[in-house]
Amino acid sequence: MAKKTENTTSIGFEEKIWRAADKLRGNLDAAEYKGVVLGLIFLKYISDRFDAKYQELIADEYADAEDKDEYEADGIFFVPAEARWNVIKEAAHTPEIGVVIDKALQAIEDDNLKLKGVLPSNYARPELDKRRLGEVVDLFSNVRMHTSGEERDLLGRVYEYCLQKFASLEGKNAGEFYTPSCIVRTIVEVLQPYEGRVYDPCCGSGGMFVQSAKFLQNHQKSLSGISIYGQEANSTTWKMAHMNVAIRGLEANLGQSYADTFFDDQHPTLKADFIMANPPFNLSDWGADKLQNDKRWVYGLPPSGNANFAWMQHMIHHLSPVGRIGLVLANGALSSQSGGEGQIRQRIVEADLVEGVVALPSQLFYNTGIPVSLWFLSRSKSQKGKTLFIDARNMGEMVTRAVRELREVEDIKKIADTFDAFRRGKLADEKGFCAVRTLDDIKAQDYILTPGRYVGIAEQKEEGEPFEDKMKRLTSELSALLQESYQLDDKIRQSLASVGFELKENEK
């Protein structure tokens, strides 16, 4: 049995790759440099996968190692001769390394139609330091990224880790492509996408799809049980999503091209079983004036200055009769009355679509301090006429001075288990954390969905000591402390007097 590759299970491996790749930054800003690094990771991944199959076919006297069909049958991208890693490795320390990589990526696109227009290019640009690029190629060549059965997870982890690092670098722009994985995991664990059509109308780099795949793997379910659909308006991010799902071995329909979801719906007839999304927060100037009579606005025309309920209604429109939605929205959507948002929210509640709302803690995002909540909607609620409210604002732990994460067991699992108990009708209210309320209860609150209104304040633990006894004990302790203070005061006075000083009464 071959020995497993070292350092593939700790964060140290990802950090090593990142630090090496970080040498490439030079004069490039984070947005440009992101494509360079992630493109190399993807190239190494498909090269390693191809090479493993190639060696297997070489050893088979009846097989043709250059037959594309042999690779496609196993879901492996065919890598033409001029694009194989050994060619790139040999050119690592030549001035032409950028040109060699560009040609390799173009050749791969030409031989794999599903990658057409997806892979990054322009590694030959003058501002990209070729010496440092060669050093990164060396690192990728020397560190084994392919081990039996683990290569997808390993490269996927490196890819996700680099996405996270880019998010921290890009700050306010990070939300375009990255949703913190702990938030995505929470949505996935609550929705439980075992099988069916999974859709994200603003999919960024594809984090929702990756976590859905991990969910299935963790529950020993086949990836073939889900079909993935997505859409993204940003061209660079759309390409990143393609690479991310490919690294995970996922088949995905991300539309014919990058496109605005409101104006060019790439999946107009789709009815999805699971819709997961983190749409842009409070998006203004989204084109409401040109979409006033759109069939998606069943619950009311969204205001022109905020797209929150446009996104929600778009998702409801694409929801199957048994479908569920999990989305992230700024907290304003829970209570806003401006621009008709209050009426839209009321109609959605009265349609009995809102299964649950989770108020999240602050500092989960790299790019914003806006407080957010998770909305869960369903066309087939198991608890008709009821909604679950969870106040998770005190959950999570600080992993840096600026960033908080939800913990796997203490937070994410607890939220998911709470939803599970609610669906089974077995949930008891827990003050300060969760509460189940009826449509009438929500109506009494003017259809405001802020969880804090419903869960209340956590009860303080009983101390078990009667008040009178406690006061006697504390008074006695205070008397003893005061007596000790008087004794210390006398000692200080005596010490000062011994060296010729006197402490006056008004100086005490």
Protein backbone atom coordinates (compact mmCIF):
# COMPACT_ATOMS: atom_id res chain seq x y z
CA MET A 1 0.00 0.00 0.00
CA ALA A 2 1.36 3.40 -0.95
CA LYS A 3 2.18 5.69 1.88
CA LYS A 4 -0.25 8.53 2.27
CA THR A 5 1.02 11.99 1.50
CA GLU A 6 2.24 13.88 4.51
CA ASN A 7 0.74 17.13 5.78
CA THR A 8 -2.54 16.84 3.96
CA THR A 9 -4.77 16.94 6.97
CA SER A 10 -3.68 20.10 8.71
CA ILE A 11 -3.99 23.75 7.84
CA GLY A 12 -0.24 23.90 7.54
CA PHE A 13 -0.37 22.50 4.04
CA GLU A 14 -2.81 25.15 2.81
CA GLU A 15 -0.79 27.88 4.49
CA LYS A 16 2.39 26.63 2.81
CA ILE A 17 0.76 26.85 -0.60
CA TRP A 18 -0.65 30.29 0.18
CA ARG A 19 2.65 31.74 1.35
CA ALA A 20 4.41 30.52 -1.75
CA ALA A 21 1.69 31.82 -4.03
CA ASP A 22 1.67 35.12 -2.17
CA LYS A 23 5.11 35.80 -3.62
CA LEU A 24 3.40 36.38 -6.93
CA ARG A 25 1.47 39.41 -5.77
CA GLY A 26 4.09 42.00 -6.65
CA ASN A 27 2.34 44.88 -8.37
CA LEU A 28 -0.91 43.00 -8.93
CA ASP A 29 -3.95 43.90 -6.85
CA ALA A 30 -5.78 41.13 -5.01
CA ALA A 31 -8.52 40.80 -7.64
CA GLU A 32 -6.01 40.12 -10.46
CA TYR A 33 -3.68 37.99 -8.42
CA LYS A 34 -6.60 35.83 -7.28
CA GLY A 35 -7.15 34.52 -10.81
CA VAL A 36 -3.44 33.77 -11.23
CA VAL A 37 -3.20 31.66 -8.07
CA LEU A 38 -6.49 29.84 -8.42
CA GLY A 39 -5.78 29.12 -12.08
CA LEU A 40 -2.50 27.43 -11.16
CA ILE A 41 -4.18 25.35 -8.47
CA PHE A 42 -6.78 24.23 -11.00
CA LEU A 43 -4.14 23.42 -13.62
CA LYS A 44 -2.20 21.30 -11.14
CA TYR A 45 -5.37 19.51 -10.08
CA ILE A 46 -6.47 18.44 -13.56
CA SER A 47 -2.87 17.57 -14.46
CA ASP A 48 -2.53 15.27 -11.46
CA ARG A 49 -5.88 13.62 -12.12
CA PHE A 50 -4.97 13.12 -15.77
CA ASP A 51 -1.50 11.76 -14.98
CA ALA A 52 -2.87 9.15 -12.55
CA LYS A 53 -5.26 7.85 -15.19
CA TYR A 54 -2.57 8.11 -17.88
CA GLN A 55 -0.21 5.86 -15.93
CA GLU A 56 -3.03 3.39 -15.37
CA LEU A 57 -3.76 3.24 -19.12
CA ILE A 58 -0.08 2.95 -20.03
CA ALA A 59 0.12 -0.17 -17.89
CA ASP A 60 -2.86 -1.68 -19.73
CA GLU A 61 -1.71 -3.18 -23.03
CA TYR A 62 -5.23 -3.05 -24.43
CA ALA A 63 -5.85 0.61 -23.59
CA ASP A 64 -4.94 3.80 -25.47
CA ALA A 65 -3.55 6.42 -23.11
CA GLU A 66 -4.26 9.19 -25.65
CA ASP A 67 -7.93 8.29 -26.09
CA LYS A 68 -10.05 11.16 -24.68
CA ASP A 69 -13.02 8.86 -24.12
CA GLU A 70 -11.02 6.86 -21.55
CA TYR A 71 -10.74 9.95 -19.39
CA GLU A 72 -14.22 11.37 -19.92
CA ALA A 73 -15.72 8.04 -18.84
CA ASP A 74 -14.21 8.64 -15.38
CA GLY A 75 -15.06 12.33 -15.24
CA ILE A 76 -11.42 13.33 -15.85
CA PHE A 77 -10.43 16.28 -18.02
CA PHE A 78 -8.20 15.29 -20.96
CA VAL A 79 -4.89 17.22 -20.88
CA PRO A 80 -3.15 17.54 -24.26
CA ALA A 81 0.59 16.87 -24.46
CA GLU A 82 1.61 20.56 -24.52
CA ALA A 83 -0.39 21.28 -21.38
CA ARG A 84 0.89 18.54 -19.10
CA TRP A 85 2.62 19.49 -15.89
CA ASN A 86 6.00 18.10 -16.91
CA VAL A 87 6.09 20.64 -19.76
CA ILE A 88 5.28 23.46 -17.36
CA LYS A 89 7.80 22.20 -14.81
CA GLU A 90 10.60 22.14 -17.39
CA ALA A 91 9.88 25.75 -18.34
CA ALA A 92 9.63 26.99 -14.72
CA HIS A 93 12.91 28.92 -14.76
CA THR A 94 12.76 30.30 -18.27
CA PRO A 95 11.48 33.74 -19.32
CA GLU A 96 8.77 31.95 -21.32
CA ILE A 97 7.06 30.31 -18.33
CA GLY A 98 4.10 32.70 -18.57
CA VAL A 99 3.62 31.95 -22.27
CA VAL A 100 3.87 28.20 -21.61
CA ILE A 101 1.13 28.34 -18.96
CA ASP A 102 -1.12 30.48 -21.19
CA LYS A 103 -0.74 27.98 -24.06
CA ALA A 104 -1.41 25.07 -21.69
CA LEU A 105 -4.65 26.58 -20.42
CA GLN A 106 -5.80 27.42 -23.93
CA ALA A 107 -5.06 23.87 -25.11
CA ILE A 108 -7.09 22.44 -22.21
CA GLU A 109 -10.04 24.70 -23.08
CA ASP A 110 -9.83 23.66 -26.74
CA ASP A 111 -10.01 19.96 -25.79
CA ASN A 112 -12.71 20.31 -23.09
CA LEU A 113 -15.79 22.21 -24.25
CA LYS A 114 -17.21 22.55 -20.71
CA LEU A 115 -14.17 24.68 -19.81
CA LYS A 116 -14.47 26.97 -22.84
CA GLY A 117 -14.01 30.57 -21.76
CA VAL A 118 -13.57 29.57 -18.12
CA LEU A 119 -9.84 29.29 -17.44
CA PRO A 120 -7.71 32.37 -16.63
CA SER A 121 -5.03 33.57 -19.03
CA ASN A 122 -2.42 36.29 -19.45
CA TYR A 123 0.29 34.71 -17.30
CA ALA A 124 2.68 36.26 -19.80
CA ARG A 125 1.80 39.82 -18.75
CA PRO A 126 4.90 41.93 -17.96
CA GLU A 127 3.80 42.88 -14.44
CA LEU A 128 3.74 39.22 -13.35
CA ASP A 129 7.19 38.36 -11.96
CA LYS A 130 8.35 35.31 -13.94
CA ARG A 131 11.02 34.34 -11.42
CA ARG A 132 8.43 34.13 -8.67
CA LEU A 133 5.99 32.38 -10.98
CA GLY A 134 8.65 29.73 -11.58
CA GLU A 135 9.17 29.35 -7.83
CA VAL A 136 5.46 28.63 -7.35
CA VAL A 137 5.54 26.10 -10.18
CA ASP A 138 8.46 24.43 -8.38
CA LEU A 139 6.48 24.27 -5.17
CA PHE A 140 3.46 22.79 -6.90
CA SER A 141 5.79 20.26 -8.56
CA ASN A 142 7.52 19.21 -5.34
CA VAL A 143 4.53 18.97 -3.02
CA ARG A 144 2.41 15.95 -3.84
CA MET A 145 -1.16 17.07 -4.25
CA HIS A 146 -2.47 13.76 -5.51
CA THR A 147 -3.01 10.78 -3.24
CA SER A 148 -5.40 7.92 -3.79
CA GLY A 149 -8.94 8.98 -3.02
CA GLU A 150 -7.99 12.30 -1.46
CA GLU A 151 -6.90 14.58 -4.28
CA ARG A 152 -10.27 16.26 -4.68
CA ASP A 153 -10.57 17.10 -1.04
CA LEU A 154 -6.97 18.24 -0.79
CA LEU A 155 -7.05 20.55 -3.80
CA GLY A 156 -10.52 21.68 -2.84
CA ARG A 157 -9.25 22.60 0.61
CA VAL A 158 -6.36 24.56 -0.87
CA TYR A 159 -8.76 26.32 -3.25
CA GLU A 160 -11.21 27.18 -0.46
CA TYR A 161 -8.41 28.31 1.84
CA CYS A 162 -7.07 30.66 -0.83
CA LEU A 163 -10.57 32.02 -1.48
CA GLN A 164 -10.83 32.81 2.24
CA LYS A 165 -7.46 34.56 2.22
CA PHE A 166 -8.41 36.59 -0.83
CA ALA A 167 -11.64 37.57 0.90
CA SER A 168 -9.66 38.97 3.82
CA LEU A 169 -7.38 40.86 1.42
CA GLU A 170 -10.14 42.35 -0.69
CA GLY A 171 -12.26 43.55 2.22
CA LYS A 172 -15.49 45.16 1.08
CA ASN A 173 -15.34 43.56 -2.37
CA ALA A 174 -15.03 40.03 -0.99
CA GLY A 175 -18.77 39.48 -0.78
CA GLU A 176 -18.93 39.21 -4.56
CA PHE A 177 -17.28 35.82 -4.53
CA TYR A 178 -17.04 34.46 -0.98
CA THR A 179 -19.51 33.61 1.74
CA PRO A 180 -17.88 32.42 4.99
CA SER A 181 -18.00 28.64 4.99
CA CYS A 182 -19.55 28.45 8.47
CA ILE A 183 -22.61 30.35 7.19
CA VAL A 184 -22.86 28.13 4.13
CA ARG A 185 -22.55 25.00 6.28
CA THR A 186 -25.37 26.24 8.50
CA ILE A 187 -27.67 26.74 5.52
CA VAL A 188 -26.80 23.32 4.09
CA GLU A 189 -27.23 21.49 7.41
CA VAL A 190 -30.66 23.04 7.89
CA LEU A 191 -31.86 22.39 4.31
CA GLN A 192 -30.40 18.84 4.12
CA PRO A 193 -30.04 18.53 0.31
CA TYR A 194 -29.94 14.73 0.05
CA GLU A 195 -31.32 14.64 -3.48
CA GLY A 196 -32.89 16.97 -6.01
CA ARG A 197 -32.12 20.17 -7.85
CA VAL A 198 -29.84 22.64 -6.05
CA TYR A 199 -29.88 26.27 -7.25
CA ASP A 200 -27.99 29.44 -6.35
CA PRO A 201 -29.00 32.51 -8.41
CA CYS A 202 -25.95 34.53 -7.29
CA CYS A 203 -23.50 31.70 -6.80
CA GLY A 204 -20.20 33.60 -6.42
CA SER A 205 -17.36 31.08 -6.41
CA GLY A 206 -19.73 28.15 -5.84
CA GLY A 207 -19.42 27.72 -2.07
CA MET A 208 -23.04 26.55 -1.68
CA PHE A 209 -22.46 23.73 -4.15
CA VAL A 210 -19.20 22.62 -2.52
CA GLN A 211 -20.80 22.43 0.91
CA SER A 212 -23.77 20.53 -0.50
CA ALA A 213 -21.34 17.97 -1.88
CA LYS A 214 -19.56 17.74 1.47
CA PHE A 215 -22.93 17.23 3.18
CA LEU A 216 -23.66 14.25 0.93
CA GLN A 217 -20.20 12.78 1.46
CA ASN A 218 -20.52 13.14 5.24
CA HIS A 219 -23.78 11.19 5.08
CA GLN A 220 -22.38 8.53 2.70
CA LYS A 221 -24.67 9.63 -0.11
CA SER A 222 -23.84 9.72 -3.80
CA LEU A 223 -23.15 13.05 -5.49
CA SER A 224 -25.27 11.82 -8.38
CA GLY A 225 -28.33 12.46 -6.24
CA ILE A 226 -28.20 16.21 -6.81
CA SER A 227 -28.27 18.38 -9.92
CA ILE A 228 -26.55 21.75 -9.62
CA TYR A 229 -27.73 25.00 -11.22
CA GLY A 230 -26.24 28.43 -10.71
CA GLN A 231 -25.85 31.91 -12.10
CA GLU A 232 -23.32 34.69 -11.55
CA ALA A 233 -23.11 38.20 -12.99
CA ASN A 234 -19.38 38.80 -12.50
CA SER A 235 -17.28 37.20 -15.24
CA THR A 236 -14.20 36.50 -13.09
CA THR A 237 -16.29 35.04 -10.29
CA TRP A 238 -18.28 32.92 -12.75
CA LYS A 239 -15.02 31.39 -13.95
CA MET A 240 -13.92 30.77 -10.36
CA ALA A 241 -17.17 28.91 -9.72
CA HIS A 242 -16.59 26.67 -12.72
CA MET A 243 -13.10 25.78 -11.49
CA ASN A 244 -14.30 25.24 -7.92
CA VAL A 245 -17.01 22.73 -8.86
CA ALA A 246 -14.69 21.01 -11.33
CA ILE A 247 -12.06 20.49 -8.61
CA ARG A 248 -14.78 18.81 -6.55
CA GLY A 249 -15.76 16.56 -9.44
CA LEU A 250 -19.21 18.13 -9.63
CA GLU A 251 -21.32 18.51 -12.75
CA ALA A 252 -22.92 21.94 -12.76
CA ASN A 253 -25.03 24.06 -15.09
CA LEU A 254 -23.91 27.63 -14.40
CA GLY A 255 -25.57 29.10 -17.46
CA GLN A 256 -24.27 29.74 -20.94
CA SER A 257 -22.38 32.78 -19.67
CA TYR A 258 -22.13 35.19 -16.78
CA ALA A 259 -25.32 37.26 -16.67
CA ASP A 260 -27.54 39.48 -14.52
CA THR A 261 -30.06 37.21 -12.80
CA PHE A 262 -32.90 39.73 -12.88
CA PHE A 263 -32.53 40.62 -16.58
CA ASP A 264 -31.14 37.44 -18.11
CA ASP A 265 -32.33 34.44 -16.11
CA GLN A 266 -30.18 31.52 -17.30
CA HIS A 267 -32.63 28.94 -15.94
CA PRO A 268 -36.07 30.39 -16.71
CA THR A 269 -38.03 27.12 -16.37
CA LEU A 270 -36.13 25.68 -13.39
CA LYS A 271 -38.09 24.57 -10.33
CA ALA A 272 -35.49 23.78 -7.68
CA ASP A 273 -35.82 21.63 -4.59
CA PHE A 274 -33.13 23.51 -2.67
CA ILE A 275 -32.25 27.15 -3.22
CA MET A 276 -29.32 28.58 -1.31
CA ALA A 277 -27.99 32.09 -1.74
CA ASN A 278 -26.13 35.02 -0.25
CA PRO A 279 -27.32 37.86 -2.50
CA PRO A 280 -25.66 41.29 -2.41
CA PHE A 281 -26.85 43.11 0.72
CA ASN A 282 -29.32 45.97 0.18
CA LEU A 283 -28.49 46.22 -3.55
CA SER A 284 -29.66 49.55 -4.94
CA ASP A 285 -30.22 50.56 -8.57
CA TRP A 286 -30.95 46.97 -9.58
CA GLY A 287 -33.25 47.90 -12.46
CA ALA A 288 -36.68 47.86 -10.85
CA ASP A 289 -38.01 50.50 -13.27
CA LYS A 290 -37.50 48.11 -16.19
CA LEU A 291 -39.07 45.09 -14.44
CA GLN A 292 -42.26 46.54 -12.97
CA ASN A 293 -44.60 43.99 -14.53
CA ASP A 294 -42.33 40.96 -14.02
CA LYS A 295 -44.18 37.73 -13.24
CA ARG A 296 -41.83 37.04 -10.34
CA TRP A 297 -43.27 39.83 -8.15
CA VAL A 298 -46.22 37.78 -6.88
CA TYR A 299 -46.05 39.33 -3.41
CA GLY A 300 -45.49 42.92 -4.49
CA LEU A 301 -43.18 45.14 -6.52
CA PRO A 302 -39.79 45.36 -4.73
CA PRO A 303 -38.57 48.91 -4.04
CA SER A 304 -36.17 50.40 -6.56
CA GLY A 305 -33.63 51.24 -3.85
CA ASN A 306 -33.27 47.75 -2.35
CA ALA A 307 -33.24 44.35 -4.06
CA ASN A 308 -33.64 42.19 -0.93
CA PHE A 309 -37.22 41.17 -1.69
CA ALA A 310 -36.53 40.99 -5.41
CA TRP A 311 -33.99 38.26 -4.67
CA MET A 312 -36.39 36.49 -2.32
CA GLN A 313 -39.26 36.55 -4.81
CA HIS A 314 -36.98 35.38 -7.63
CA MET A 315 -36.11 32.36 -5.48
CA ILE A 316 -39.75 31.67 -4.57
CA HIS A 317 -40.57 31.79 -8.28
CA HIS A 318 -38.01 29.04 -8.93
CA LEU A 319 -39.09 26.87 -5.99
CA SER A 320 -40.56 23.42 -6.60
CA PRO A 321 -43.78 22.33 -4.83
CA VAL A 322 -41.65 20.60 -2.18
CA GLY A 323 -38.76 23.06 -2.27
CA ARG A 324 -36.87 24.84 0.50
CA ILE A 325 -34.94 28.12 0.48
CA GLY A 326 -32.05 29.23 2.70
CA LEU A 327 -30.73 32.74 2.12
CA VAL A 328 -28.71 35.43 3.84
CA LEU A 329 -30.22 38.91 4.12
CA ALA A 330 -29.34 42.08 5.95
CA ASN A 331 -31.39 42.47 9.14
CA GLY A 332 -33.29 45.42 7.68
CA ALA A 333 -35.42 42.97 5.70
CA LEU A 334 -36.84 41.63 8.98
CA SER A 335 -38.54 44.88 9.93
CA SER A 336 -38.35 47.48 7.14
CA GLN A 337 -41.59 49.19 6.12
CA SER A 338 -40.11 51.41 3.42
CA GLY A 339 -40.91 51.09 -0.27
CA GLY A 340 -43.62 48.52 0.33
CA GLU A 341 -41.25 46.01 1.97
CA GLY A 342 -43.54 45.63 4.95
CA GLN A 343 -46.47 44.62 2.72
CA ILE A 344 -44.32 42.15 0.74
CA ARG A 345 -43.04 40.55 3.95
CA GLN A 346 -46.61 40.34 5.29
CA ARG A 347 -47.87 38.57 2.16
CA ILE A 348 -44.99 36.07 2.24
CA VAL A 349 -45.73 35.34 5.90
CA GLU A 350 -49.48 35.01 5.22
CA ALA A 351 -48.67 32.57 2.40
CA ASP A 352 -47.10 30.43 5.15
CA LEU A 353 -43.75 30.28 3.40
CA VAL A 354 -41.47 31.36 6.25
CA GLU A 355 -40.29 28.26 8.08
CA GLY A 356 -37.65 29.92 10.25
CA VAL A 357 -35.42 32.94 10.84
CA VAL A 358 -31.99 32.88 12.47
CA ALA A 359 -30.33 36.07 13.74
CA LEU A 360 -26.57 35.66 13.25
CA PRO A 361 -23.75 37.14 15.33
CA SER A 362 -21.71 40.07 14.08
CA GLN A 363 -18.22 39.91 12.51
CA LEU A 364 -18.81 36.79 10.44
CA PHE A 365 -18.00 38.56 7.17
CA TYR A 366 -14.71 39.98 5.98
CA ASN A 367 -16.37 42.66 3.90
CA THR A 368 -19.10 44.16 6.07
CA GLY A 369 -20.23 44.78 9.60
CA ILE A 370 -23.91 44.81 8.58
CA PRO A 371 -25.85 42.47 10.90
CA VAL A 372 -27.50 39.66 8.94
CA SER A 373 -29.99 36.85 9.38
CA LEU A 374 -30.77 33.55 7.70
CA TRP A 375 -34.23 33.11 6.21
CA PHE A 376 -35.59 29.62 5.60
CA LEU A 377 -38.66 29.33 3.40
CA SER A 378 -40.59 26.23 2.35
CA ARG A 379 -43.55 25.33 0.14
CA SER A 380 -44.15 22.16 2.15
CA LYS A 381 -43.74 23.10 5.82
CA SER A 382 -44.19 20.20 8.19
CA GLN A 383 -45.47 22.62 10.84
CA LYS A 384 -48.20 24.51 9.05
CA GLY A 385 -48.97 27.97 10.35
CA LYS A 386 -45.87 28.05 12.57
CA THR A 387 -42.45 29.70 12.30
CA LEU A 388 -39.25 28.99 14.20
CA PHE A 389 -37.21 31.91 15.51
CA ILE A 390 -33.60 31.47 16.66
CA ASP A 391 -31.42 34.16 18.23
CA ALA A 392 -27.85 33.04 17.55
CA ARG A 393 -26.23 36.44 18.11
CA ASN A 394 -24.21 35.15 21.06
CA MET A 395 -22.90 32.11 19.21
CA GLY A 396 -19.50 31.62 17.60
CA GLU A 397 -15.96 32.39 18.65
CA MET A 398 -13.46 35.03 17.57
CA VAL A 399 -10.76 33.45 15.38
CA THR A 400 -9.00 36.77 14.84
CA ARG A 401 -9.50 40.18 16.41
CA ALA A 402 -11.89 41.06 13.57
CA VAL A 403 -13.50 37.80 12.46
CA ARG A 404 -15.90 35.41 14.20
CA GLU A 405 -16.79 31.86 13.14
CA LEU A 406 -19.66 29.58 14.05
CA ARG A 407 -18.41 26.35 15.65
CA GLU A 408 -19.26 23.02 14.08
CA VAL A 409 -20.90 21.32 17.08
CA GLU A 410 -21.77 24.03 19.58
CA ASP A 411 -23.34 26.35 17.00
CA ILE A 412 -24.04 24.87 13.54
CA LYS A 413 -25.21 21.49 14.78
CA LYS A 414 -27.31 23.10 17.51
CA ILE A 415 -29.11 25.30 14.98
CA ALA A 416 -29.66 22.37 12.59
CA ASP A 417 -30.87 20.10 15.42
CA THR A 418 -33.27 22.83 16.55
CA PHE A 419 -34.81 22.97 13.07
CA ASP A 420 -35.03 19.17 13.00
CA ALA A 421 -36.85 19.08 16.34
CA PHE A 422 -39.19 21.84 15.14
CA ARG A 423 -40.07 19.93 11.97
CA ARG A 424 -40.86 16.85 14.05
CA GLY A 425 -43.05 18.88 16.40
CA LYS A 426 -40.75 18.07 19.34
CA LEU A 427 -39.24 21.51 20.06
CA ALA A 428 -39.75 23.32 23.34
CA ASP A 429 -39.10 27.07 23.52
CA GLU A 430 -35.81 28.10 25.10
CA LYS A 431 -35.83 31.66 26.36
CA GLY A 432 -33.11 33.75 24.78
CA PHE A 433 -32.45 31.17 22.04
CA CYS A 434 -35.49 29.75 20.22
CA ALA A 435 -39.26 30.04 20.03
CA VAL A 436 -42.05 28.67 17.85
CA ARG A 437 -44.74 31.20 16.98
CA THR A 438 -48.01 31.12 15.03
CA LEU A 439 -49.05 33.38 12.18
CA ASP A 440 -51.33 35.21 14.65
CA ASP A 441 -48.34 35.85 16.93
CA ILE A 442 -46.43 37.33 13.99
CA LYS A 443 -49.45 39.41 12.96
CA ALA A 444 -49.56 40.83 16.49
CA GLN A 445 -45.98 42.04 15.93
CA ASP A 446 -46.96 43.80 12.68
CA TYR A 447 -45.24 41.03 10.68
CA ILE A 448 -41.82 42.02 11.97
CA LEU A 449 -39.61 38.92 12.02
CA THR A 450 -36.76 39.97 14.31
CA PRO A 451 -36.04 36.84 16.42
CA GLY A 452 -35.35 38.84 19.58
CA ARG A 453 -39.01 39.89 19.68
CA TYR A 454 -40.09 36.27 20.01
CA VAL A 455 -37.41 34.40 21.94
CA GLY A 456 -37.16 36.90 24.81
CA ILE A 457 -34.28 37.14 27.25
CA ALA A 458 -32.57 34.09 28.66
CA GLU A 459 -33.50 33.26 32.21
CA GLN A 460 -30.84 33.84 34.81
CA LYS A 461 -29.79 30.80 36.76
CA GLU A 462 -31.06 30.53 40.30
CA GLU A 463 -28.24 30.98 42.77
CA GLY A 464 -29.80 28.70 45.36
CA GLU A 465 -29.02 31.06 48.28
CA PRO A 466 -31.88 32.98 49.95
CA PHE A 467 -31.54 36.75 49.74
CA GLU A 468 -31.45 37.30 53.52
CA ASP A 469 -28.71 34.71 54.00
CA LYS A 470 -26.72 36.14 51.11
CA MET A 471 -26.88 39.68 52.54
CA LYS A 472 -25.76 38.47 55.98
CA ARG A 473 -22.82 36.62 54.42
CA LEU A 474 -21.76 39.57 52.25
CA THR A 475 -22.11 42.05 55.13
CA SER A 476 -19.93 39.87 57.30
CA GLU A 477 -17.30 39.58 54.54
CA LEU A 478 -17.37 43.36 54.03
CA SER A 479 -16.90 43.99 57.77
CA ALA A 480 -13.85 41.72 57.79
CA LEU A 481 -12.38 43.53 54.78
CA LEU A 482 -12.97 46.93 56.37
CA GLN A 483 -11.28 45.78 59.58
CA GLU A 484 -8.28 44.60 57.56
CA SER A 485 -8.23 47.96 55.82
CA TYR A 486 -8.08 49.81 59.16
CA GLN A 487 -5.16 47.63 60.28
CA LEU A 488 -3.25 48.31 57.06
CA ASP A 489 -3.94 52.03 57.45
CA ASP A 490 -2.37 52.02 60.92
CA LYS A 491 0.72 50.15 59.66
CA ILE A 492 1.20 52.68 56.86
CA ARG A 493 0.99 55.57 59.30
CA GLN A 494 3.53 53.92 61.62
CA SER A 495 5.91 53.27 58.70
CA LEU A 496 5.72 56.88 57.53
CA ALA A 497 6.23 58.19 61.08
CA SER A 498 9.41 56.08 61.45
CA VAL A 499 11.06 58.01 58.61
CA GLY A 500 9.84 61.42 59.73
CA PHE A 501 6.57 61.84 57.77
CA GLU A 502 3.01 62.21 58.94
CA LEU A 503 -0.16 61.36 56.96
CA LYS A 504 -2.77 64.07 57.55
CA GLU A 505 -6.44 63.13 57.82
CA ASN A 506 -7.47 65.02 54.66
CA GLU A 507 -4.78 63.15 52.66
CA LYS A 508 -6.20 59.70 53.35
